Amino acid sequence: MDARKEGLPRNPHLAAQPHLGRCLSPFFLTCVTYFLLWIPEDQPSWVGALVKCLPVLCLAGFLRACSGRDYSSLLQVALLLSACGDVFLIWPEAFLYGVAAFTKAQLLYVWAFGLRPLQLGLLLPVALASLPFYCLLLLHLPPDMVLPLTAYTLALATMLWRGLARGGSACWGALLFTISDTVLAFNTFIRPLPHARLVVMATYYAAQFLISLSAFQSPRLKTN
């Protein structure tokens, strides 16, 4: 099957660089370390913050070492902002700083994904998925959280739209990022969920990994 004819993403850079697996090994190792050491609820600490953000920092280093395009540079900055957000979210009093860092990261992902193909038809399912949950969340938010989380929700929904439009691993990464943040928000503000931290971090790391891989793929070549 010819990917150019089917409009599927191609991976010429990925196929041309067999050493990428070795470059990704620090990411997988630090993910395993996090889940082995920090799934139980621990007291906030700088050691815990470092263990939590190391996988994302490894992805930023992976992109810097293996991809030199402008698209990759935007992803690297978004990953660094995400790592800052990971650190801030360790401490409850720094929650809004974490929201601000992740909002900037989502906007950078939107910038990287671009506006072509526009795929306006994707806005309807994104809105149908986002609005009901946001309205439910709004009923449980403290007043000082409403504006920051509204801004973040808009940025996240836009990132989901553009990720779906881009296709490839960016599409799946955007979906997993949205699932991760939805579970986090529900667990934090609405009702505690069993194994929430495991679900949130597993989908989050997978999302960042898939978005990073999109640096080695061509965007969707035609609209459906």
N, C-alpha and C. Protein backbone atom coordinates (compact mmCIF):
# COMPACT_ATOMS: atom_id res chain seq x y z
N MET A 1 0.85 -1.20 0.00
CA MET A 1 0.00 0.00 0.00
C MET A 1 0.88 1.24 0.00
N ASP A 2 0.56 2.17 -0.86
CA ASP A 2 1.35 3.40 -0.96
C ASP A 2 0.82 4.44 0.01
N ALA A 3 1.64 4.84 1.01
CA ALA A 3 1.18 5.81 2.01
C ALA A 3 0.82 7.13 1.38
N ARG A 4 1.50 7.49 0.29
CA ARG A 4 1.21 8.77 -0.34
C ARG A 4 -0.19 8.77 -0.94
N LYS A 5 -0.63 7.62 -1.46
CA LYS A 5 -1.95 7.55 -2.06
C LYS A 5 -3.05 7.47 -1.00
N GLU A 6 -2.76 6.85 0.12
CA GLU A 6 -3.78 6.65 1.13
C GLU A 6 -3.87 7.80 2.11
N GLY A 7 -2.94 8.75 2.05
CA GLY A 7 -2.98 9.87 2.98
C GLY A 7 -2.54 9.50 4.38
N LEU A 8 -1.73 8.44 4.50
CA LEU A 8 -1.28 7.99 5.81
C LEU A 8 0.04 8.65 6.14
N PRO A 9 0.35 8.81 7.47
CA PRO A 9 1.62 9.41 7.85
C PRO A 9 2.78 8.50 7.47
N ARG A 10 3.88 9.09 7.03
CA ARG A 10 5.06 8.32 6.70
C ARG A 10 6.14 8.57 7.73
N ASN A 11 7.07 7.64 7.88
CA ASN A 11 8.11 7.74 8.89
C ASN A 11 9.50 7.63 8.27
N PRO A 12 9.87 8.49 7.31
CA PRO A 12 11.18 8.35 6.69
C PRO A 12 12.32 8.56 7.66
N HIS A 13 12.18 9.51 8.56
CA HIS A 13 13.26 9.76 9.53
C HIS A 13 13.38 8.60 10.51
N LEU A 14 12.22 8.05 10.93
CA LEU A 14 12.24 6.95 11.88
C LEU A 14 12.89 5.73 11.28
N ALA A 15 12.58 5.47 9.99
CA ALA A 15 13.15 4.30 9.35
C ALA A 15 14.64 4.47 9.09
N ALA A 16 15.06 5.72 8.92
CA ALA A 16 16.45 5.98 8.55
C ALA A 16 17.37 6.04 9.76
N GLN A 17 16.82 5.97 10.97
CA GLN A 17 17.66 6.12 12.16
C GLN A 17 17.44 4.95 13.09
N PRO A 18 18.13 3.82 12.88
CA PRO A 18 17.93 2.64 13.71
C PRO A 18 18.37 2.83 15.15
N HIS A 19 19.14 3.88 15.42
CA HIS A 19 19.61 4.10 16.78
C HIS A 19 18.58 4.80 17.65
N LEU A 20 17.39 5.12 17.11
CA LEU A 20 16.39 5.82 17.90
C LEU A 20 15.96 5.02 19.11
N GLY A 21 15.93 3.70 18.96
CA GLY A 21 15.54 2.86 20.11
C GLY A 21 16.49 3.06 21.28
N ARG A 22 17.78 3.15 20.99
CA ARG A 22 18.74 3.38 22.06
C ARG A 22 18.55 4.76 22.67
N CYS A 23 18.23 5.75 21.82
CA CYS A 23 18.02 7.10 22.33
C CYS A 23 16.80 7.18 23.24
N LEU A 24 15.83 6.31 23.01
CA LEU A 24 14.61 6.32 23.81
C LEU A 24 14.73 5.51 25.10
N SER A 25 15.79 4.72 25.24
CA SER A 25 15.91 3.86 26.41
C SER A 25 15.91 4.65 27.73
N PRO A 26 16.52 5.86 27.82
CA PRO A 26 16.40 6.60 29.08
C PRO A 26 14.96 6.96 29.44
N PHE A 27 14.16 7.27 28.42
CA PHE A 27 12.74 7.56 28.69
C PHE A 27 12.05 6.36 29.30
N PHE A 28 12.21 5.19 28.70
CA PHE A 28 11.54 4.00 29.23
C PHE A 28 12.06 3.63 30.61
N LEU A 29 13.36 3.78 30.81
CA LEU A 29 13.95 3.46 32.12
C LEU A 29 13.42 4.38 33.21
N THR A 30 13.33 5.68 32.92
CA THR A 30 12.84 6.62 33.93
C THR A 30 11.34 6.45 34.18
N CYS A 31 10.60 6.03 33.15
CA CYS A 31 9.18 5.72 33.37
C CYS A 31 9.03 4.55 34.33
N VAL A 32 9.81 3.50 34.11
CA VAL A 32 9.76 2.33 34.99
C VAL A 32 10.15 2.74 36.40
N THR A 33 11.18 3.57 36.53
CA THR A 33 11.60 4.03 37.85
C THR A 33 10.49 4.78 38.55
N TYR A 34 9.80 5.65 37.83
CA TYR A 34 8.70 6.40 38.43
C TYR A 34 7.62 5.46 38.95
N PHE A 35 7.19 4.53 38.13
CA PHE A 35 6.08 3.67 38.53
C PHE A 35 6.48 2.70 39.64
N LEU A 36 7.74 2.34 39.69
CA LEU A 36 8.19 1.46 40.77
C LEU A 36 8.29 2.19 42.09
N LEU A 37 8.71 3.47 42.04
CA LEU A 37 9.01 4.19 43.27
C LEU A 37 7.90 5.12 43.75
N TRP A 38 7.10 5.69 42.83
CA TRP A 38 6.28 6.81 43.20
C TRP A 38 4.80 6.64 42.95
N ILE A 39 4.34 5.44 42.60
CA ILE A 39 2.89 5.23 42.50
C ILE A 39 2.22 5.38 43.87
N PRO A 40 2.80 4.84 44.96
CA PRO A 40 2.19 5.13 46.26
C PRO A 40 2.20 6.63 46.53
N GLU A 41 1.19 7.10 47.27
CA GLU A 41 1.11 8.53 47.57
C GLU A 41 2.23 8.89 48.55
N ASP A 42 3.15 9.71 48.10
CA ASP A 42 4.27 10.12 48.93
C ASP A 42 4.17 11.60 49.25
N GLN A 43 4.87 12.01 50.26
CA GLN A 43 4.93 13.43 50.60
C GLN A 43 5.70 14.17 49.51
N PRO A 44 5.30 15.41 49.19
CA PRO A 44 6.02 16.18 48.16
C PRO A 44 7.49 16.34 48.53
N SER A 45 8.35 16.17 47.56
CA SER A 45 9.79 16.34 47.77
C SER A 45 10.44 16.64 46.43
N TRP A 46 11.62 17.22 46.49
CA TRP A 46 12.35 17.51 45.27
C TRP A 46 12.82 16.23 44.58
N VAL A 47 13.09 15.20 45.36
CA VAL A 47 13.45 13.91 44.76
C VAL A 47 12.27 13.36 43.97
N GLY A 48 11.08 13.42 44.58
CA GLY A 48 9.90 12.97 43.87
C GLY A 48 9.62 13.79 42.63
N ALA A 49 9.83 15.10 42.72
CA ALA A 49 9.62 15.96 41.55
C ALA A 49 10.58 15.61 40.42
N LEU A 50 11.84 15.32 40.78
CA LEU A 50 12.82 14.95 39.76
C LEU A 50 12.45 13.64 39.09
N VAL A 51 12.06 12.65 39.89
CA VAL A 51 11.68 11.34 39.33
C VAL A 51 10.47 11.49 38.42
N LYS A 52 9.55 12.36 38.80
CA LYS A 52 8.33 12.55 38.01
C LYS A 52 8.61 13.21 36.66
N CYS A 53 9.48 14.22 36.62
CA CYS A 53 9.68 14.97 35.38
C CYS A 53 10.80 14.40 34.51
N LEU A 54 11.60 13.46 35.01
CA LEU A 54 12.71 12.92 34.23
C LEU A 54 12.28 12.29 32.90
N PRO A 55 11.19 11.50 32.85
CA PRO A 55 10.81 10.94 31.55
C PRO A 55 10.56 12.00 30.49
N VAL A 56 9.90 13.09 30.86
CA VAL A 56 9.62 14.15 29.90
C VAL A 56 10.90 14.86 29.50
N LEU A 57 11.81 15.07 30.44
CA LEU A 57 13.10 15.68 30.11
C LEU A 57 13.90 14.77 29.16
N CYS A 58 13.77 13.45 29.37
CA CYS A 58 14.46 12.52 28.47
C CYS A 58 13.90 12.61 27.05
N LEU A 59 12.60 12.81 26.93
CA LEU A 59 12.01 12.98 25.60
C LEU A 59 12.52 14.25 24.93
N ALA A 60 12.65 15.33 25.71
CA ALA A 60 13.20 16.57 25.15
C ALA A 60 14.63 16.35 24.68
N GLY A 61 15.43 15.64 25.47
CA GLY A 61 16.80 15.34 25.05
C GLY A 61 16.84 14.43 23.83
N PHE A 62 15.92 13.49 23.77
CA PHE A 62 15.81 12.59 22.61
C PHE A 62 15.54 13.39 21.33
N LEU A 63 14.61 14.33 21.39
CA LEU A 63 14.31 15.14 20.21
C LEU A 63 15.49 16.03 19.82
N ARG A 64 16.16 16.56 20.82
CA ARG A 64 17.31 17.43 20.52
C ARG A 64 18.42 16.64 19.83
N ALA A 65 18.59 15.38 20.23
CA ALA A 65 19.67 14.58 19.68
C ALA A 65 19.34 13.99 18.31
N CYS A 66 18.06 13.74 18.06
CA CYS A 66 17.69 12.94 16.89
C CYS A 66 16.89 13.69 15.84
N SER A 67 16.44 14.90 16.13
CA SER A 67 15.63 15.61 15.15
C SER A 67 15.95 17.09 15.23
N GLY A 68 16.19 17.71 14.07
CA GLY A 68 16.61 19.11 14.07
C GLY A 68 15.65 20.07 13.42
N ARG A 69 14.41 19.63 13.16
CA ARG A 69 13.47 20.49 12.46
C ARG A 69 12.84 21.52 13.40
N ASP A 70 12.26 22.57 12.81
CA ASP A 70 11.57 23.59 13.59
C ASP A 70 10.44 22.97 14.40
N TYR A 71 9.73 22.01 13.78
CA TYR A 71 8.64 21.32 14.48
C TYR A 71 9.16 20.68 15.76
N SER A 72 10.30 20.01 15.65
CA SER A 72 10.89 19.35 16.81
C SER A 72 11.28 20.37 17.88
N SER A 73 11.76 21.53 17.47
CA SER A 73 12.15 22.55 18.45
C SER A 73 10.96 23.02 19.27
N LEU A 74 9.81 23.19 18.62
CA LEU A 74 8.60 23.57 19.35
C LEU A 74 8.20 22.48 20.35
N LEU A 75 8.31 21.23 19.93
CA LEU A 75 8.00 20.13 20.84
C LEU A 75 8.94 20.11 22.04
N GLN A 76 10.21 20.40 21.79
CA GLN A 76 11.18 20.40 22.89
C GLN A 76 10.82 21.44 23.95
N VAL A 77 10.46 22.64 23.51
CA VAL A 77 10.10 23.68 24.47
C VAL A 77 8.82 23.29 25.21
N ALA A 78 7.87 22.71 24.49
CA ALA A 78 6.63 22.26 25.14
C ALA A 78 6.92 21.19 26.18
N LEU A 79 7.84 20.29 25.88
CA LEU A 79 8.21 19.26 26.84
C LEU A 79 8.88 19.86 28.07
N LEU A 80 9.73 20.85 27.88
CA LEU A 80 10.38 21.50 29.02
C LEU A 80 9.36 22.22 29.90
N LEU A 81 8.38 22.87 29.26
CA LEU A 81 7.31 23.51 30.03
C LEU A 81 6.47 22.47 30.76
N SER A 82 6.24 21.33 30.13
CA SER A 82 5.51 20.25 30.78
C SER A 82 6.26 19.74 32.00
N ALA A 83 7.58 19.62 31.86
CA ALA A 83 8.39 19.18 33.01
C ALA A 83 8.29 20.18 34.16
N CYS A 84 8.28 21.48 33.84
CA CYS A 84 8.08 22.49 34.88
C CYS A 84 6.71 22.31 35.52
N GLY A 85 5.68 22.07 34.70
CA GLY A 85 4.35 21.84 35.23
C GLY A 85 4.31 20.62 36.14
N ASP A 86 5.03 19.56 35.75
CA ASP A 86 5.08 18.36 36.59
C ASP A 86 5.64 18.69 37.97
N VAL A 87 6.67 19.51 38.00
CA VAL A 87 7.29 19.87 39.28
C VAL A 87 6.32 20.71 40.11
N PHE A 88 5.69 21.72 39.51
CA PHE A 88 4.77 22.58 40.26
C PHE A 88 3.60 21.77 40.84
N LEU A 89 3.11 20.80 40.09
CA LEU A 89 1.93 20.06 40.56
C LEU A 89 2.23 19.13 41.72
N ILE A 90 3.52 18.95 42.02
CA ILE A 90 3.88 18.16 43.20
C ILE A 90 3.39 18.84 44.47
N TRP A 91 3.44 20.18 44.48
CA TRP A 91 3.05 20.94 45.67
C TRP A 91 1.69 21.60 45.43
N PRO A 92 0.69 21.33 46.26
CA PRO A 92 -0.64 21.90 46.06
C PRO A 92 -0.66 23.42 45.97
N GLU A 93 0.19 24.08 46.73
CA GLU A 93 0.19 25.55 46.73
C GLU A 93 0.73 26.12 45.42
N ALA A 94 1.41 25.30 44.62
CA ALA A 94 1.94 25.75 43.32
C ALA A 94 1.08 25.26 42.16
N PHE A 95 -0.15 24.82 42.45
CA PHE A 95 -1.00 24.23 41.41
C PHE A 95 -1.22 25.17 40.24
N LEU A 96 -1.51 26.43 40.51
CA LEU A 96 -1.79 27.37 39.42
C LEU A 96 -0.56 27.63 38.55
N TYR A 97 0.63 27.57 39.14
CA TYR A 97 1.83 27.69 38.33
C TYR A 97 1.95 26.50 37.38
N GLY A 98 1.57 25.33 37.87
CA GLY A 98 1.56 24.15 37.01
C GLY A 98 0.57 24.29 35.88
N VAL A 99 -0.62 24.82 36.19
CA VAL A 99 -1.63 25.04 35.15
C VAL A 99 -1.10 26.01 34.10
N ALA A 100 -0.44 27.07 34.54
CA ALA A 100 0.11 28.05 33.59
C ALA A 100 1.17 27.43 32.69
N ALA A 101 2.04 26.60 33.28
CA ALA A 101 3.09 25.96 32.48
C ALA A 101 2.49 25.01 31.45
N PHE A 102 1.50 24.24 31.85
CA PHE A 102 0.88 23.31 30.91
C PHE A 102 0.04 24.04 29.86
N THR A 103 -0.55 25.16 30.21
CA THR A 103 -1.29 25.94 29.21
C THR A 103 -0.35 26.41 28.11
N LYS A 104 0.82 26.90 28.50
CA LYS A 104 1.81 27.33 27.50
C LYS A 104 2.28 26.14 26.67
N ALA A 105 2.45 24.98 27.31
CA ALA A 105 2.87 23.79 26.57
C ALA A 105 1.83 23.39 25.53
N GLN A 106 0.54 23.44 25.90
CA GLN A 106 -0.51 23.09 24.96
C GLN A 106 -0.53 24.06 23.78
N LEU A 107 -0.34 25.33 24.04
CA LEU A 107 -0.32 26.32 22.96
C LEU A 107 0.86 26.08 22.01
N LEU A 108 1.98 25.65 22.56
CA LEU A 108 3.12 25.33 21.70
C LEU A 108 2.83 24.09 20.85
N TYR A 109 2.13 23.11 21.44
CA TYR A 109 1.74 21.95 20.64
C TYR A 109 0.80 22.37 19.50
N VAL A 110 -0.12 23.27 19.80
CA VAL A 110 -1.02 23.79 18.76
C VAL A 110 -0.20 24.45 17.65
N TRP A 111 0.76 25.27 18.04
CA TRP A 111 1.62 25.95 17.07
C TRP A 111 2.38 24.93 16.22
N ALA A 112 2.90 23.90 16.89
CA ALA A 112 3.66 22.88 16.15
C ALA A 112 2.76 22.11 15.18
N PHE A 113 1.58 21.71 15.63
CA PHE A 113 0.68 20.92 14.78
C PHE A 113 0.19 21.73 13.59
N GLY A 114 0.07 23.05 13.76
CA GLY A 114 -0.33 23.91 12.65
C GLY A 114 -1.83 23.89 12.38
N LEU A 115 -2.23 24.65 11.39
CA LEU A 115 -3.65 24.79 11.06
C LEU A 115 -4.01 24.17 9.71
N ARG A 116 -3.12 23.36 9.16
CA ARG A 116 -3.42 22.68 7.91
C ARG A 116 -3.12 21.19 8.05
N PRO A 117 -4.07 20.35 7.64
CA PRO A 117 -5.42 20.66 7.15
C PRO A 117 -6.30 21.19 8.27
N LEU A 118 -7.20 22.12 7.94
CA LEU A 118 -7.98 22.79 8.98
C LEU A 118 -8.94 21.83 9.69
N GLN A 119 -9.63 20.98 8.93
CA GLN A 119 -10.52 19.96 9.50
C GLN A 119 -11.52 20.56 10.49
N LEU A 120 -12.31 21.52 10.03
CA LEU A 120 -13.31 22.14 10.91
C LEU A 120 -14.33 21.14 11.42
N GLY A 121 -14.55 20.07 10.66
CA GLY A 121 -15.51 19.06 11.09
C GLY A 121 -15.13 18.38 12.39
N LEU A 122 -13.85 18.41 12.75
CA LEU A 122 -13.42 17.80 14.00
C LEU A 122 -13.80 18.63 15.22
N LEU A 123 -14.14 19.90 15.01
CA LEU A 123 -14.49 20.75 16.15
C LEU A 123 -15.75 20.27 16.86
N LEU A 124 -16.70 19.71 16.11
CA LEU A 124 -17.95 19.26 16.73
C LEU A 124 -17.71 18.13 17.73
N PRO A 125 -17.05 17.03 17.35
CA PRO A 125 -16.81 15.98 18.36
C PRO A 125 -15.94 16.45 19.53
N VAL A 126 -14.98 17.34 19.24
CA VAL A 126 -14.16 17.87 20.34
C VAL A 126 -15.02 18.67 21.30
N ALA A 127 -15.91 19.51 20.76
CA ALA A 127 -16.79 20.32 21.61
C ALA A 127 -17.76 19.43 22.38
N LEU A 128 -18.32 18.41 21.72
CA LEU A 128 -19.26 17.51 22.39
C LEU A 128 -18.59 16.72 23.52
N ALA A 129 -17.30 16.46 23.37
CA ALA A 129 -16.57 15.75 24.42
C ALA A 129 -16.14 16.68 25.55
N SER A 130 -15.82 17.94 25.20
CA SER A 130 -15.23 18.85 26.17
C SER A 130 -16.26 19.62 26.99
N LEU A 131 -17.31 20.12 26.34
CA LEU A 131 -18.24 21.02 27.02
C LEU A 131 -18.98 20.38 28.19
N PRO A 132 -19.55 19.18 28.03
CA PRO A 132 -20.27 18.59 29.19
C PRO A 132 -19.37 18.39 30.40
N PHE A 133 -18.15 17.91 30.16
CA PHE A 133 -17.25 17.71 31.30
C PHE A 133 -16.84 19.04 31.91
N TYR A 134 -16.59 20.05 31.08
CA TYR A 134 -16.20 21.35 31.61
C TYR A 134 -17.33 21.94 32.46
N CYS A 135 -18.58 21.80 32.01
CA CYS A 135 -19.71 22.31 32.79
C CYS A 135 -19.82 21.60 34.13
N LEU A 136 -19.58 20.27 34.13
CA LEU A 136 -19.58 19.53 35.38
C LEU A 136 -18.44 19.99 36.28
N LEU A 137 -17.27 20.16 35.70
CA LEU A 137 -16.12 20.61 36.48
C LEU A 137 -16.34 21.99 37.07
N LEU A 138 -17.00 22.86 36.31
CA LEU A 138 -17.23 24.23 36.75
C LEU A 138 -18.03 24.28 38.04
N LEU A 139 -18.90 23.31 38.26
CA LEU A 139 -19.72 23.27 39.47
C LEU A 139 -18.89 22.98 40.72
N HIS A 140 -17.69 22.43 40.53
CA HIS A 140 -16.87 22.01 41.68
C HIS A 140 -15.60 22.83 41.86
N LEU A 141 -15.38 23.82 40.99
CA LEU A 141 -14.13 24.58 41.06
C LEU A 141 -14.23 25.70 42.09
N PRO A 142 -13.16 25.93 42.87
CA PRO A 142 -13.09 27.14 43.69
C PRO A 142 -13.05 28.36 42.79
N PRO A 143 -13.54 29.50 43.26
CA PRO A 143 -13.60 30.70 42.40
C PRO A 143 -12.27 31.09 41.78
N ASP A 144 -11.16 30.94 42.54
CA ASP A 144 -9.87 31.36 42.01
C ASP A 144 -9.32 30.41 40.94
N MET A 145 -9.97 29.26 40.76
CA MET A 145 -9.52 28.30 39.76
C MET A 145 -10.27 28.42 38.44
N VAL A 146 -11.38 29.15 38.43
CA VAL A 146 -12.26 29.15 37.26
C VAL A 146 -11.55 29.69 36.03
N LEU A 147 -10.98 30.88 36.11
CA LEU A 147 -10.35 31.47 34.93
C LEU A 147 -9.13 30.69 34.45
N PRO A 148 -8.20 30.31 35.34
CA PRO A 148 -7.04 29.55 34.86
C PRO A 148 -7.42 28.22 34.22
N LEU A 149 -8.37 27.51 34.81
CA LEU A 149 -8.73 26.21 34.26
C LEU A 149 -9.60 26.34 33.02
N THR A 150 -10.34 27.44 32.89
CA THR A 150 -11.05 27.71 31.64
C THR A 150 -10.06 27.93 30.50
N ALA A 151 -9.04 28.72 30.79
CA ALA A 151 -8.01 28.96 29.77
C ALA A 151 -7.31 27.66 29.40
N TYR A 152 -7.01 26.84 30.41
CA TYR A 152 -6.33 25.58 30.11
C TYR A 152 -7.23 24.64 29.31
N THR A 153 -8.51 24.59 29.66
CA THR A 153 -9.44 23.73 28.94
C THR A 153 -9.53 24.12 27.47
N LEU A 154 -9.56 25.41 27.20
CA LEU A 154 -9.60 25.88 25.81
C LEU A 154 -8.31 25.50 25.08
N ALA A 155 -7.18 25.67 25.75
CA ALA A 155 -5.90 25.31 25.12
C ALA A 155 -5.83 23.81 24.86
N LEU A 156 -6.29 23.00 25.83
CA LEU A 156 -6.26 21.55 25.67
C LEU A 156 -7.19 21.10 24.55
N ALA A 157 -8.40 21.67 24.50
CA ALA A 157 -9.34 21.30 23.44
C ALA A 157 -8.81 21.68 22.07
N THR A 158 -8.14 22.83 21.98
CA THR A 158 -7.55 23.24 20.71
C THR A 158 -6.42 22.30 20.31
N MET A 159 -5.60 21.92 21.29
CA MET A 159 -4.53 20.96 21.01
C MET A 159 -5.10 19.63 20.53
N LEU A 160 -6.19 19.18 21.14
CA LEU A 160 -6.82 17.93 20.71
C LEU A 160 -7.30 18.04 19.26
N TRP A 161 -7.94 19.15 18.94
CA TRP A 161 -8.42 19.37 17.57
C TRP A 161 -7.28 19.32 16.57
N ARG A 162 -6.20 20.06 16.86
CA ARG A 162 -5.09 20.11 15.92
C ARG A 162 -4.33 18.78 15.85
N GLY A 163 -4.26 18.08 16.99
CA GLY A 163 -3.61 16.77 16.98
C GLY A 163 -4.39 15.77 16.14
N LEU A 164 -5.72 15.78 16.28
CA LEU A 164 -6.55 14.90 15.46
C LEU A 164 -6.41 15.24 13.99
N ALA A 165 -6.33 16.53 13.69
CA ALA A 165 -6.21 16.95 12.29
C ALA A 165 -4.85 16.56 11.71
N ARG A 166 -3.81 16.61 12.52
CA ARG A 166 -2.48 16.25 12.03
C ARG A 166 -2.39 14.76 11.72
N GLY A 167 -3.02 13.94 12.55
CA GLY A 167 -2.99 12.50 12.33
C GLY A 167 -1.72 11.87 12.87
N GLY A 168 -1.53 10.59 12.55
CA GLY A 168 -0.34 9.88 13.00
C GLY A 168 -0.31 9.75 14.52
N SER A 169 0.90 9.69 15.07
CA SER A 169 1.03 9.52 16.52
C SER A 169 0.61 10.78 17.27
N ALA A 170 0.63 11.95 16.60
CA ALA A 170 0.15 13.18 17.25
C ALA A 170 -1.32 13.06 17.61
N CYS A 171 -2.09 12.39 16.76
CA CYS A 171 -3.51 12.19 17.02
C CYS A 171 -3.71 11.39 18.31
N TRP A 172 -3.02 10.25 18.41
CA TRP A 172 -3.17 9.41 19.60
C TRP A 172 -2.58 10.07 20.84
N GLY A 173 -1.49 10.80 20.66
CA GLY A 173 -0.92 11.52 21.79
C GLY A 173 -1.87 12.57 22.33
N ALA A 174 -2.53 13.32 21.43
CA ALA A 174 -3.49 14.34 21.86
C ALA A 174 -4.66 13.71 22.59
N LEU A 175 -5.14 12.57 22.10
CA LEU A 175 -6.25 11.88 22.76
C LEU A 175 -5.86 11.42 24.17
N LEU A 176 -4.67 10.82 24.29
CA LEU A 176 -4.23 10.33 25.60
C LEU A 176 -3.97 11.48 26.56
N PHE A 177 -3.46 12.60 26.06
CA PHE A 177 -3.24 13.77 26.92
C PHE A 177 -4.57 14.26 27.47
N THR A 178 -5.59 14.29 26.62
CA THR A 178 -6.91 14.73 27.06
C THR A 178 -7.49 13.78 28.09
N ILE A 179 -7.33 12.47 27.88
CA ILE A 179 -7.81 11.49 28.86
C ILE A 179 -7.10 11.67 30.18
N SER A 180 -5.79 11.85 30.14
CA SER A 180 -5.00 12.03 31.36
C SER A 180 -5.49 13.23 32.16
N ASP A 181 -5.67 14.37 31.48
CA ASP A 181 -6.09 15.58 32.19
C ASP A 181 -7.54 15.49 32.67
N THR A 182 -8.38 14.78 31.93
CA THR A 182 -9.76 14.60 32.36
C THR A 182 -9.82 13.79 33.65
N VAL A 183 -9.07 12.71 33.69
CA VAL A 183 -9.04 11.88 34.91
C VAL A 183 -8.44 12.67 36.07
N LEU A 184 -7.39 13.44 35.81
CA LEU A 184 -6.77 14.26 36.86
C LEU A 184 -7.76 15.27 37.42
N ALA A 185 -8.47 15.98 36.53
CA ALA A 185 -9.42 17.00 36.98
C ALA A 185 -10.57 16.36 37.75
N PHE A 186 -11.08 15.24 37.26
CA PHE A 186 -12.19 14.57 37.95
C PHE A 186 -11.74 14.12 39.35
N ASN A 187 -10.56 13.53 39.42
CA ASN A 187 -10.05 13.03 40.70
C ASN A 187 -9.75 14.17 41.67
N THR A 188 -9.28 15.30 41.15
CA THR A 188 -8.87 16.42 42.01
C THR A 188 -10.06 17.23 42.51
N PHE A 189 -11.02 17.49 41.63
CA PHE A 189 -12.07 18.46 41.96
C PHE A 189 -13.47 17.86 42.13
N ILE A 190 -13.72 16.69 41.59
CA ILE A 190 -15.09 16.16 41.62
C ILE A 190 -15.21 14.99 42.60
N ARG A 191 -14.46 13.93 42.34
CA ARG A 191 -14.56 12.75 43.20
C ARG A 191 -13.28 11.93 43.06
N PRO A 192 -12.71 11.46 44.18
CA PRO A 192 -11.51 10.61 44.08
C PRO A 192 -11.83 9.31 43.33
N LEU A 193 -10.89 8.91 42.50
CA LEU A 193 -11.03 7.70 41.71
C LEU A 193 -9.98 6.68 42.13
N PRO A 194 -10.31 5.40 42.11
CA PRO A 194 -9.30 4.38 42.43
C PRO A 194 -8.21 4.34 41.36
N HIS A 195 -6.98 4.25 41.81
CA HIS A 195 -5.82 4.16 40.92
C HIS A 195 -5.71 5.35 39.97
N ALA A 196 -6.20 6.49 40.41
CA ALA A 196 -6.21 7.67 39.53
C ALA A 196 -4.79 8.08 39.14
N ARG A 197 -3.88 8.06 40.10
CA ARG A 197 -2.52 8.51 39.80
C ARG A 197 -1.86 7.62 38.76
N LEU A 198 -2.10 6.32 38.86
CA LEU A 198 -1.55 5.38 37.88
C LEU A 198 -2.09 5.68 36.49
N VAL A 199 -3.40 5.86 36.40
CA VAL A 199 -4.03 6.14 35.10
C VAL A 199 -3.54 7.46 34.53
N VAL A 200 -3.50 8.49 35.38
CA VAL A 200 -3.10 9.81 34.92
C VAL A 200 -1.67 9.79 34.37
N MET A 201 -0.75 9.21 35.11
CA MET A 201 0.64 9.27 34.69
C MET A 201 0.94 8.32 33.53
N ALA A 202 0.28 7.16 33.50
CA ALA A 202 0.52 6.24 32.39
C ALA A 202 0.05 6.85 31.07
N THR A 203 -1.14 7.44 31.07
CA THR A 203 -1.64 8.07 29.84
C THR A 203 -0.84 9.33 29.51
N TYR A 204 -0.38 10.04 30.53
CA TYR A 204 0.40 11.26 30.30
C TYR A 204 1.74 10.95 29.64
N TYR A 205 2.48 9.99 30.20
CA TYR A 205 3.78 9.64 29.61
C TYR A 205 3.60 9.08 28.20
N ALA A 206 2.57 8.25 28.01
CA ALA A 206 2.30 7.72 26.67
C ALA A 206 1.97 8.84 25.69
N ALA A 207 1.21 9.83 26.16
CA ALA A 207 0.85 10.96 25.30
C ALA A 207 2.09 11.75 24.88
N GLN A 208 2.94 12.06 25.83
CA GLN A 208 4.15 12.82 25.50
C GLN A 208 5.07 12.03 24.56
N PHE A 209 5.14 10.73 24.77
CA PHE A 209 5.94 9.87 23.91
C PHE A 209 5.42 9.88 22.47
N LEU A 210 4.11 9.73 22.30
CA LEU A 210 3.53 9.69 20.96
C LEU A 210 3.63 11.04 20.26
N ILE A 211 3.43 12.11 21.01
CA ILE A 211 3.59 13.44 20.40
C ILE A 211 5.04 13.65 19.97
N SER A 212 5.98 13.19 20.78
CA SER A 212 7.40 13.31 20.41
C SER A 212 7.71 12.53 19.14
N LEU A 213 7.13 11.33 19.01
CA LEU A 213 7.37 10.54 17.81
C LEU A 213 6.84 11.22 16.55
N SER A 214 5.87 12.12 16.71
CA SER A 214 5.33 12.79 15.52
C SER A 214 6.37 13.66 14.83
N ALA A 215 7.48 13.95 15.52
CA ALA A 215 8.56 14.71 14.88
C ALA A 215 9.21 13.92 13.75
N PHE A 216 8.98 12.60 13.71
CA PHE A 216 9.57 11.76 12.69
C PHE A 216 8.54 11.28 11.67
N GLN A 217 7.38 11.94 11.67
CA GLN A 217 6.32 11.56 10.75
C GLN A 217 5.90 12.76 9.94
N SER A 218 5.41 12.50 8.74
CA SER A 218 4.81 13.56 7.94
C SER A 218 3.38 13.76 8.40
N PRO A 219 2.88 14.99 8.36
CA PRO A 219 1.47 15.21 8.72
C PRO A 219 0.55 14.57 7.71
N ARG A 220 -0.72 14.44 8.08
CA ARG A 220 -1.72 13.86 7.18
C ARG A 220 -1.71 14.62 5.86
N LEU A 221 -1.68 13.89 4.76
CA LEU A 221 -1.46 14.50 3.46
C LEU A 221 -2.75 14.87 2.74
N LYS A 222 -3.89 14.33 3.16
CA LYS A 222 -5.15 14.75 2.56
C LYS A 222 -6.26 14.60 3.57
N THR A 223 -7.32 15.35 3.41
CA THR A 223 -8.43 15.30 4.34
C THR A 223 -9.44 14.28 3.87
N ASN A 224 -10.22 13.78 4.83
CA ASN A 224 -11.26 12.81 4.52
C ASN A 224 -12.61 13.49 4.62
